[in-house]
Amino acid sequence: RARNVADNQKFLSMRAPGHEYVDAVLARLGVAISGGFQPNSVYRLPDVFLQFGAEDFEYPMEDRPANLVYTGPIIHREPGAEAPAWMAQLDRSLPIVLVTQGTLANFNFDQLVNPAITGLTDEPVQVVVTAGGSKDGKILSAKNAIVEDYVPYEQILPETSVFVTNGGYNGVQQALSYSVPIVCYGESEDKPLVSARVQWSGVEIGRAH
């Protein structure tokens, strides 16, 4: 707690000029926020704040705002949508392992995707890899792996036995919505925070930083 307080104070000090600017704009508009604008203002001021995700995935909050409502993940559902052609190639007699590095940290596939492919090459599993639309980096090939730019999670996750991910928040939430266990490892953006929650909530085999 002492560390978090110190880190928060440092963060607020760095952001102070921006907060002062926002307060000045609000003052010109005749609006005032008690105590001045803070990062948490955007969460605490609305009558209702909708948080995409599962409440059991988040740490308990001693001062949980009364306006906070968990809605579950954002899941794309298109009734009658045709499955992509590559799904016909799946060996459904084997457990399916879905692997992703997300849509941002997908330029160096040696971070997660290639180690996963290498480690699973001789295992009796069907590996499905999504490159997140990345045209850069090189993804290894393997006899039991299918690699696609994009993978419709709503179609593949119901058939998935394990989800290997760098910790993208919505991808993790979608996997949980289909009760898919998670192997999670992420070091950029919000990924360490998501990985820590995955580990804490007990749905993961992995490592949090």
Protein backbone atom coordinates (compact mmCIF):
# COMPACT_ATOMS: atom_id res chain seq x y z
CA ARG A 1 0.00 0.00 0.00
CA ALA A 2 2.86 2.39 0.83
CA ARG A 3 4.40 1.69 -2.57
CA ASN A 4 1.10 2.29 -4.33
CA VAL A 5 0.57 5.58 -2.47
CA ALA A 6 4.07 6.74 -3.43
CA ASP A 7 3.58 5.71 -7.06
CA ASN A 8 0.21 7.47 -7.21
CA GLN A 9 1.69 10.66 -5.78
CA LYS A 10 4.46 10.57 -8.37
CA PHE A 11 1.91 9.99 -11.13
CA LEU A 12 -0.28 12.87 -9.96
CA SER A 13 2.73 15.17 -9.76
CA MET A 14 3.65 14.37 -13.37
CA ARG A 15 0.04 14.93 -14.51
CA ALA A 16 -0.54 18.10 -12.46
CA PRO A 17 -0.12 20.58 -15.37
CA GLY A 18 -2.72 18.70 -17.39
CA HIS A 19 -5.13 18.55 -14.49
CA GLU A 20 -4.72 22.29 -13.91
CA TYR A 21 -5.50 22.92 -17.57
CA VAL A 22 -8.68 20.84 -17.35
CA ASP A 23 -9.72 22.66 -14.17
CA ALA A 24 -9.21 26.02 -15.93
CA VAL A 25 -11.36 24.92 -18.88
CA LEU A 26 -14.09 23.69 -16.53
CA ALA A 27 -13.96 26.97 -14.60
CA ARG A 28 -14.53 28.94 -17.81
CA LEU A 29 -17.55 26.72 -18.46
CA GLY A 30 -18.89 27.33 -14.99
CA VAL A 31 -18.31 23.76 -13.88
CA ALA A 32 -16.38 22.73 -10.80
CA ILE A 33 -15.18 19.33 -9.62
CA SER A 34 -14.79 19.03 -5.87
CA GLY A 35 -11.09 18.67 -5.12
CA GLY A 36 -10.14 19.38 -8.74
CA PHE A 37 -9.89 17.06 -11.71
CA GLN A 38 -8.18 13.71 -11.01
CA PRO A 39 -7.71 10.57 -13.16
CA ASN A 40 -10.50 8.85 -11.22
CA SER A 41 -12.93 11.66 -12.02
CA VAL A 42 -13.93 10.05 -15.32
CA TYR A 43 -14.94 6.93 -13.39
CA ARG A 44 -16.60 8.49 -10.37
CA LEU A 45 -18.52 11.41 -11.90
CA PRO A 46 -20.93 9.58 -14.26
CA ASP A 47 -24.25 8.38 -12.88
CA VAL A 48 -23.36 4.93 -14.23
CA PHE A 49 -19.95 3.65 -15.29
CA LEU A 50 -20.04 0.45 -17.37
CA GLN A 51 -16.92 -1.70 -17.06
CA PHE A 52 -16.53 -4.40 -19.68
CA GLY A 53 -15.42 -7.52 -17.82
CA ALA A 54 -16.26 -9.87 -14.99
CA GLU A 55 -16.41 -8.63 -11.40
CA ASP A 56 -14.77 -11.80 -10.06
CA PHE A 57 -11.75 -11.04 -12.26
CA GLU A 58 -11.03 -7.80 -10.41
CA TYR A 59 -9.44 -7.32 -6.99
CA PRO A 60 -11.86 -6.52 -4.16
CA MET A 61 -12.33 -2.76 -3.69
CA GLU A 62 -12.71 -1.22 -0.25
CA ASP A 63 -14.15 1.99 -1.71
CA ARG A 64 -16.03 0.62 -4.70
CA PRO A 65 -17.99 3.41 -6.41
CA ALA A 66 -21.76 2.93 -6.26
CA ASN A 67 -22.02 3.77 -9.98
CA LEU A 68 -19.77 0.89 -11.12
CA VAL A 69 -21.50 -1.87 -13.09
CA TYR A 70 -19.69 -4.86 -14.65
CA THR A 71 -21.24 -5.87 -17.97
CA GLY A 72 -19.16 -8.85 -19.04
CA PRO A 73 -16.89 -8.86 -22.11
CA ILE A 74 -17.49 -7.38 -25.54
CA ILE A 75 -18.42 -10.40 -27.65
CA HIS A 76 -19.18 -10.13 -31.34
CA ARG A 77 -22.16 -12.26 -32.21
CA GLU A 78 -23.48 -12.51 -35.74
CA PRO A 79 -26.21 -15.16 -35.95
CA GLY A 80 -25.72 -17.38 -38.96
CA ALA A 81 -22.24 -16.01 -39.72
CA GLU A 82 -20.32 -18.32 -42.01
CA ALA A 83 -17.19 -19.87 -40.51
CA PRO A 84 -13.93 -18.97 -42.30
CA ALA A 85 -12.70 -21.61 -44.73
CA TRP A 86 -9.61 -22.46 -42.67
CA MET A 87 -11.76 -23.80 -39.83
CA ALA A 88 -12.66 -26.75 -42.03
CA GLN A 89 -8.98 -27.76 -41.79
CA LEU A 90 -9.09 -28.12 -38.00
CA ASP A 91 -8.38 -31.54 -36.58
CA ARG A 92 -11.17 -31.58 -34.04
CA SER A 93 -10.08 -34.95 -32.69
CA LEU A 94 -7.27 -33.05 -30.94
CA PRO A 95 -7.44 -30.36 -28.23
CA ILE A 96 -7.33 -26.90 -29.81
CA VAL A 97 -4.79 -24.38 -28.48
CA LEU A 98 -5.42 -20.76 -29.53
CA VAL A 99 -2.32 -18.52 -29.49
CA THR A 100 -2.14 -14.73 -29.84
CA GLN A 101 0.12 -11.75 -29.14
CA GLY A 102 -2.76 -9.32 -29.59
CA THR A 103 -3.07 -6.43 -32.04
CA LEU A 104 -0.30 -4.11 -30.79
CA ALA A 105 2.65 -6.12 -29.45
CA ASN A 106 2.82 -8.34 -32.52
CA PHE A 107 5.99 -7.29 -34.29
CA ASN A 108 8.39 -9.68 -32.56
CA PHE A 109 6.69 -13.06 -32.60
CA ASP A 110 9.66 -14.57 -30.78
CA GLN A 111 8.18 -13.10 -27.60
CA LEU A 112 5.28 -15.55 -27.33
CA VAL A 113 3.91 -16.97 -30.59
CA ASN A 114 7.03 -18.72 -31.87
CA PRO A 115 7.99 -20.22 -28.48
CA ALA A 116 4.43 -21.54 -28.18
CA ILE A 117 4.54 -23.06 -31.67
CA THR A 118 7.96 -24.61 -30.97
CA GLY A 119 6.87 -26.02 -27.63
CA LEU A 120 3.68 -27.52 -29.07
CA THR A 121 5.08 -28.86 -32.36
CA ASP A 122 5.34 -32.47 -31.18
CA GLU A 123 2.33 -32.37 -28.87
CA PRO A 124 -0.98 -34.04 -29.82
CA VAL A 125 -2.82 -30.71 -30.20
CA GLN A 126 -4.21 -28.52 -32.95
CA VAL A 127 -2.62 -25.07 -32.74
CA VAL A 128 -4.40 -21.99 -34.10
CA VAL A 129 -2.39 -18.75 -34.25
CA THR A 130 -3.68 -15.25 -34.94
CA ALA A 131 -1.15 -12.66 -36.07
CA GLY A 132 -3.47 -9.78 -35.19
CA GLY A 133 -3.26 -8.48 -38.74
CA SER A 134 0.49 -7.89 -38.46
CA LYS A 135 2.46 -8.00 -41.70
CA ASP A 136 5.78 -7.71 -39.90
CA GLY A 137 7.75 -10.37 -38.08
CA LYS A 138 8.08 -14.03 -38.95
CA ILE A 139 5.87 -16.75 -37.58
CA LEU A 140 7.27 -20.27 -37.57
CA SER A 141 5.44 -23.05 -39.37
CA ALA A 142 4.54 -26.37 -37.84
CA LYS A 143 2.64 -29.40 -39.04
CA ASN A 144 -0.01 -28.99 -36.35
CA ALA A 145 -0.38 -25.19 -36.59
CA ILE A 146 -2.75 -22.99 -38.60
CA VAL A 147 -1.75 -19.30 -38.81
CA GLU A 148 -4.23 -16.59 -39.77
CA ASP A 149 -4.18 -12.78 -39.73
CA TYR A 150 -7.45 -12.65 -37.84
CA VAL A 151 -9.41 -15.31 -35.97
CA PRO A 152 -13.10 -14.89 -35.00
CA TYR A 153 -12.94 -15.53 -31.26
CA GLU A 154 -16.68 -16.12 -31.03
CA GLN A 155 -16.30 -19.09 -33.39
CA ILE A 156 -13.00 -20.62 -32.26
CA LEU A 157 -13.15 -20.11 -28.47
CA PRO A 158 -16.12 -22.47 -27.93
CA GLU A 159 -13.92 -25.21 -29.39
CA THR A 160 -10.71 -24.14 -27.64
CA SER A 161 -9.12 -26.16 -24.83
CA VAL A 162 -6.40 -23.64 -23.86
CA PHE A 163 -5.89 -19.95 -24.71
CA VAL A 164 -2.24 -18.77 -24.87
CA THR A 165 -2.12 -14.96 -24.80
CA ASN A 166 0.04 -11.95 -24.01
CA GLY A 167 -2.76 -10.66 -21.78
CA GLY A 168 -5.04 -8.48 -23.90
CA TYR A 169 -7.92 -7.54 -21.60
CA ASN A 170 -10.85 -8.22 -23.90
CA GLY A 171 -9.35 -11.44 -25.29
CA VAL A 172 -8.90 -12.72 -21.75
CA GLN A 173 -12.46 -11.73 -20.86
CA GLN A 174 -13.81 -13.53 -23.92
CA ALA A 175 -11.86 -16.69 -23.06
CA LEU A 176 -13.28 -16.58 -19.54
CA SER A 177 -16.80 -16.19 -20.92
CA TYR A 178 -16.33 -19.54 -22.68
CA SER A 179 -14.66 -21.13 -19.60
CA VAL A 180 -11.37 -21.56 -21.45
CA PRO A 181 -8.27 -21.87 -19.21
CA ILE A 182 -5.52 -19.35 -19.92
CA VAL A 183 -1.74 -19.36 -20.25
CA CYS A 184 -0.85 -15.69 -19.94
CA TYR A 185 2.42 -13.78 -20.35
CA GLY A 186 2.59 -10.07 -21.12
CA GLU A 187 5.08 -7.27 -20.48
CA SER A 188 3.76 -4.19 -22.33
CA GLU A 189 0.79 -1.81 -22.12
CA ASP A 190 -1.68 -3.08 -19.52
CA LYS A 191 -0.63 -6.70 -20.02
CA PRO A 192 1.26 -7.15 -16.70
CA LEU A 193 -1.81 -5.90 -14.82
CA VAL A 194 -4.09 -8.27 -16.72
CA SER A 195 -1.65 -11.16 -16.23
CA ALA A 196 -1.56 -10.46 -12.49
CA ARG A 197 -5.36 -10.60 -12.33
CA VAL A 198 -5.45 -13.79 -14.36
CA GLN A 199 -3.04 -15.38 -11.91
CA TRP A 200 -4.84 -13.98 -8.85
CA SER A 201 -8.27 -15.16 -10.01
CA GLY A 202 -6.98 -18.70 -10.52
CA VAL A 203 -7.75 -19.16 -14.22
CA GLU A 204 -4.15 -19.19 -15.42
CA ILE A 205 -0.94 -21.11 -15.65
CA GLY A 206 1.66 -18.43 -16.18
CA ARG A 207 3.79 -15.63 -14.90
CA ALA A 208 2.91 -12.09 -13.97
CA HIS A 209 5.40 -9.19 -13.86
